[in-house]
N, C-alpha and C. Protein backbone atom coordinates (compact mmCIF):
# COMPACT_ATOMS: atom_id res chain seq x y z
N UNK A 1 13.67 100.93 103.54
CA UNK A 1 12.86 101.63 104.25
C UNK A 1 13.19 101.20 105.72
N UNK A 2 13.59 99.55 106.36
CA UNK A 2 13.81 99.94 107.41
C UNK A 2 14.86 99.65 107.37
N UNK A 3 15.91 100.18 106.99
CA UNK A 3 17.48 101.12 107.88
C UNK A 3 16.60 102.02 108.93
N UNK A 4 16.09 102.70 107.58
CA UNK A 4 15.40 103.84 108.86
C UNK A 4 14.53 103.68 109.42
N UNK A 5 13.46 102.21 109.49
CA UNK A 5 12.80 102.36 110.65
C UNK A 5 13.84 102.21 111.87
N UNK A 6 15.35 100.78 111.25
CA UNK A 6 16.09 100.45 112.93
C UNK A 6 16.48 101.38 113.28
N UNK A 7 16.53 102.28 113.34
CA UNK A 7 17.77 103.82 113.17
C UNK A 7 16.97 104.85 114.10
N UNK A 8 14.81 104.98 113.52
CA UNK A 8 14.65 105.25 114.30
C UNK A 8 13.83 104.17 115.77
N UNK A 9 13.75 103.41 116.40
CA UNK A 9 13.20 102.84 116.55
C UNK A 9 14.83 102.87 118.19
N UNK A 10 16.16 103.25 116.92
CA UNK A 10 17.30 102.77 118.38
C UNK A 10 17.31 104.21 119.12
N UNK A 11 16.73 105.28 118.46
CA UNK A 11 17.05 106.70 118.74
C UNK A 11 15.65 106.38 119.52
N UNK A 12 14.05 106.24 119.99
CA UNK A 12 13.66 105.96 120.89
C UNK A 12 14.15 105.21 121.17
N UNK A 13 14.22 104.19 121.59
CA UNK A 13 15.18 103.13 123.09
C UNK A 13 16.30 104.09 123.50
N UNK A 14 16.76 105.19 123.07
CA UNK A 14 17.86 105.99 123.83
C UNK A 14 17.08 106.98 124.56
N UNK A 15 16.22 106.89 124.09
CA UNK A 15 15.39 108.67 124.70
C UNK A 15 14.75 107.94 125.48
N UNK A 16 14.15 107.04 125.91
CA UNK A 16 13.08 106.42 126.64
C UNK A 16 14.14 105.92 128.13
N UNK A 17 15.03 105.87 127.96
CA UNK A 17 16.17 105.59 128.43
C UNK A 17 16.64 106.84 129.39
N UNK A 18 17.10 107.25 128.24
CA UNK A 18 17.95 108.94 129.24
C UNK A 18 16.86 109.71 129.50
N UNK A 19 15.90 110.41 128.92
CA UNK A 19 15.25 111.13 128.75
C UNK A 19 14.42 111.99 130.50
N UNK A 20 13.50 110.30 130.93
CA UNK A 20 13.56 110.66 131.63
C UNK A 20 14.60 110.59 133.19
N UNK A 21 15.14 110.35 133.33
CA UNK A 21 16.19 110.50 134.63
C UNK A 21 16.88 112.18 134.27
N UNK A 22 16.64 112.17 132.41
CA UNK A 22 17.68 114.66 133.27
C UNK A 22 16.55 114.88 133.69
N UNK A 23 14.75 114.36 133.43
CA UNK A 23 14.10 115.55 134.19
C UNK A 23 13.26 115.24 135.59
N UNK A 24 13.93 113.20 135.46
CA UNK A 24 13.62 113.33 137.70
C UNK A 24 14.95 114.21 137.93
N UNK A 25 16.15 114.14 137.16
CA UNK A 25 17.01 115.44 137.95
C UNK A 25 16.40 116.71 137.82
N UNK A 26 16.13 117.58 136.72
CA UNK A 26 15.68 118.22 136.46
C UNK A 26 16.96 119.33 135.77
N UNK A 27 16.82 118.58 134.71
CA UNK A 27 18.97 119.02 134.19
C UNK A 27 17.39 119.65 132.36
N UNK A 28 17.74 120.55 132.88
CA UNK A 28 16.70 121.09 131.03
C UNK A 28 17.75 121.58 130.47
N UNK A 29 19.28 122.31 130.85
CA UNK A 29 19.96 122.98 129.58
C UNK A 29 20.55 121.21 128.27
N UNK A 30 20.41 119.67 129.76
CA UNK A 30 21.04 118.63 129.17
C UNK A 30 20.26 117.98 128.55
N UNK A 31 19.23 118.42 128.96
CA UNK A 31 17.80 117.80 127.98
C UNK A 31 18.54 118.49 127.06
N UNK A 32 17.87 120.07 126.36
CA UNK A 32 17.46 120.33 125.48
C UNK A 32 19.11 119.94 124.46
N UNK A 33 20.50 120.07 125.03
CA UNK A 33 21.62 119.27 124.33
C UNK A 33 21.53 118.25 123.71
N UNK A 34 21.24 117.56 124.72
CA UNK A 34 20.53 115.66 124.26
C UNK A 34 19.80 115.99 123.13
N UNK A 35 18.68 116.56 123.22
CA UNK A 35 17.49 117.18 121.98
C UNK A 35 18.23 117.21 120.77
N UNK A 36 18.55 117.98 121.34
CA UNK A 36 19.75 118.47 119.82
C UNK A 36 20.74 117.57 119.40
N UNK A 37 21.60 116.83 120.22
CA UNK A 37 22.16 115.98 119.71
C UNK A 37 21.90 114.65 118.48
N UNK A 38 21.72 114.38 119.71
CA UNK A 38 20.31 113.26 119.27
C UNK A 38 19.17 113.23 117.88
N UNK A 39 18.79 115.19 117.68
CA UNK A 39 18.60 115.27 116.43
C UNK A 39 19.21 114.37 115.37
N UNK A 40 20.97 115.35 115.51
CA UNK A 40 21.32 115.37 114.71
C UNK A 40 22.21 114.19 114.58
N UNK A 41 22.34 113.38 115.33
CA UNK A 41 22.89 112.26 115.11
C UNK A 41 21.71 111.81 113.72
N UNK A 42 20.74 110.97 114.29
CA UNK A 42 19.71 110.11 113.86
C UNK A 42 19.09 111.28 112.52
N UNK A 43 19.41 111.85 111.80
CA UNK A 43 19.79 112.79 110.60
C UNK A 43 20.54 112.51 109.85
N UNK A 44 21.55 112.53 110.00
CA UNK A 44 22.88 112.10 109.53
C UNK A 44 23.02 110.17 109.29
N UNK A 45 22.61 109.59 110.25
CA UNK A 45 22.37 108.47 110.38
C UNK A 45 21.82 107.69 109.49
N UNK A 46 20.48 108.51 108.96
CA UNK A 46 19.88 108.20 108.30
C UNK A 46 19.56 108.72 106.54
N UNK A 47 20.85 109.77 106.97
CA UNK A 47 21.14 110.37 105.17
C UNK A 47 22.25 108.78 105.12
N UNK A 48 23.39 108.46 106.37
CA UNK A 48 24.62 107.66 105.71
C UNK A 48 23.11 106.34 104.68
N UNK A 49 22.57 106.16 105.93
CA UNK A 49 21.14 104.30 105.18
C UNK A 49 21.18 104.94 104.26
N UNK A 50 20.44 105.92 103.77
CA UNK A 50 19.95 106.21 102.10
C UNK A 50 21.01 106.49 100.96
N UNK A 51 22.23 106.85 100.95
CA UNK A 51 22.93 106.15 101.06
C UNK A 51 23.39 107.92 100.58
N UNK A 52 23.56 109.33 101.33
CA UNK A 52 23.35 110.86 100.36
C UNK A 52 25.11 110.57 101.06
N UNK A 53 25.55 111.39 100.09
CA UNK A 53 26.79 111.92 100.24
C UNK A 53 26.69 113.10 100.35
N UNK A 54 27.91 112.91 102.12
CA UNK A 54 27.36 113.16 103.80
C UNK A 54 29.13 113.82 103.37
N UNK A 55 29.32 114.97 103.66
CA UNK A 55 30.89 115.68 103.03
C UNK A 55 31.49 115.46 104.84
N UNK A 56 32.55 115.63 104.26
CA UNK A 56 33.86 115.43 105.76
C UNK A 56 33.97 116.77 106.01
N UNK A 57 34.07 116.61 107.08
CA UNK A 57 34.17 117.76 108.07
C UNK A 57 36.22 118.88 107.63
N UNK A 58 36.40 117.68 107.88
CA UNK A 58 38.27 117.88 107.53
C UNK A 58 38.44 118.31 106.02
N UNK A 59 37.40 117.92 104.69
CA UNK A 59 37.35 119.18 104.15
C UNK A 59 37.83 120.36 103.71
N UNK A 60 36.49 120.56 105.09
CA UNK A 60 35.65 121.71 105.54
C UNK A 60 37.36 123.16 106.01
N UNK A 61 37.53 122.13 106.51
CA UNK A 61 38.79 122.06 107.46
C UNK A 61 40.40 122.32 106.52
N UNK A 62 40.44 122.14 105.96
CA UNK A 62 40.97 122.10 104.48
C UNK A 62 41.41 122.78 103.92
N UNK A 63 40.02 123.44 103.43
CA UNK A 63 39.49 124.54 102.67
C UNK A 63 40.02 125.72 102.67
N UNK A 64 39.77 125.98 104.87
CA UNK A 64 40.34 127.34 105.03
C UNK A 64 41.46 127.62 105.83
N UNK A 65 41.91 126.26 105.63
CA UNK A 65 43.80 126.33 105.99
C UNK A 65 44.31 126.26 105.27
N UNK A 66 44.11 125.86 103.57
CA UNK A 66 44.91 125.60 102.55
C UNK A 66 45.95 127.43 101.80
N UNK A 67 45.32 128.14 102.14
CA UNK A 67 45.74 130.11 101.41
C UNK A 67 46.82 130.02 102.92
N UNK A 68 47.09 129.84 103.73
CA UNK A 68 47.92 130.15 105.17
C UNK A 68 48.81 128.82 104.83
N UNK A 69 48.09 127.37 104.07
CA UNK A 69 49.87 126.83 103.44
C UNK A 69 50.52 126.74 103.22
N UNK A 70 49.44 127.51 101.81
CA UNK A 70 50.16 127.56 101.26
C UNK A 70 50.91 129.25 101.45
N UNK A 71 51.13 129.98 102.16
CA UNK A 71 51.64 131.18 102.24
C UNK A 71 52.92 130.37 103.39
N UNK A 72 53.16 129.81 104.63
CA UNK A 72 53.68 129.41 105.10
C UNK A 72 55.07 128.41 104.12
N UNK A 73 54.49 127.91 103.41
CA UNK A 73 55.15 126.79 102.43
C UNK A 73 56.18 128.19 101.77
N UNK A 74 55.22 128.68 100.75
CA UNK A 74 56.25 129.93 100.20
C UNK A 74 57.05 130.46 100.88
N UNK A 75 56.88 130.22 101.98
CA UNK A 75 57.37 131.85 102.63
C UNK A 75 59.58 130.66 102.63
N UNK A 76 59.26 129.50 102.88
CA UNK A 76 59.96 128.25 103.05
C UNK A 76 61.29 127.52 102.39
N UNK A 77 60.28 128.03 100.58
CA UNK A 77 60.97 127.68 99.73
C UNK A 77 62.57 129.35 99.57
């Protein structure tokens, strides 16, 4: 529980620093991107703090390109 509290505290501090400057400059699109990325990062950090198995994105890339790799290697045999 302390891990989640720490992550949320850091997220709030970062948001308190960044959001006012984005609002002051009138950067609405950047504010949306910041919000989405901070929520995504917070969620992934909380999941990692709770020891939930998070799949590696490179595994997904490997699954997509494996048939092509096998095809190319088959051409050179």
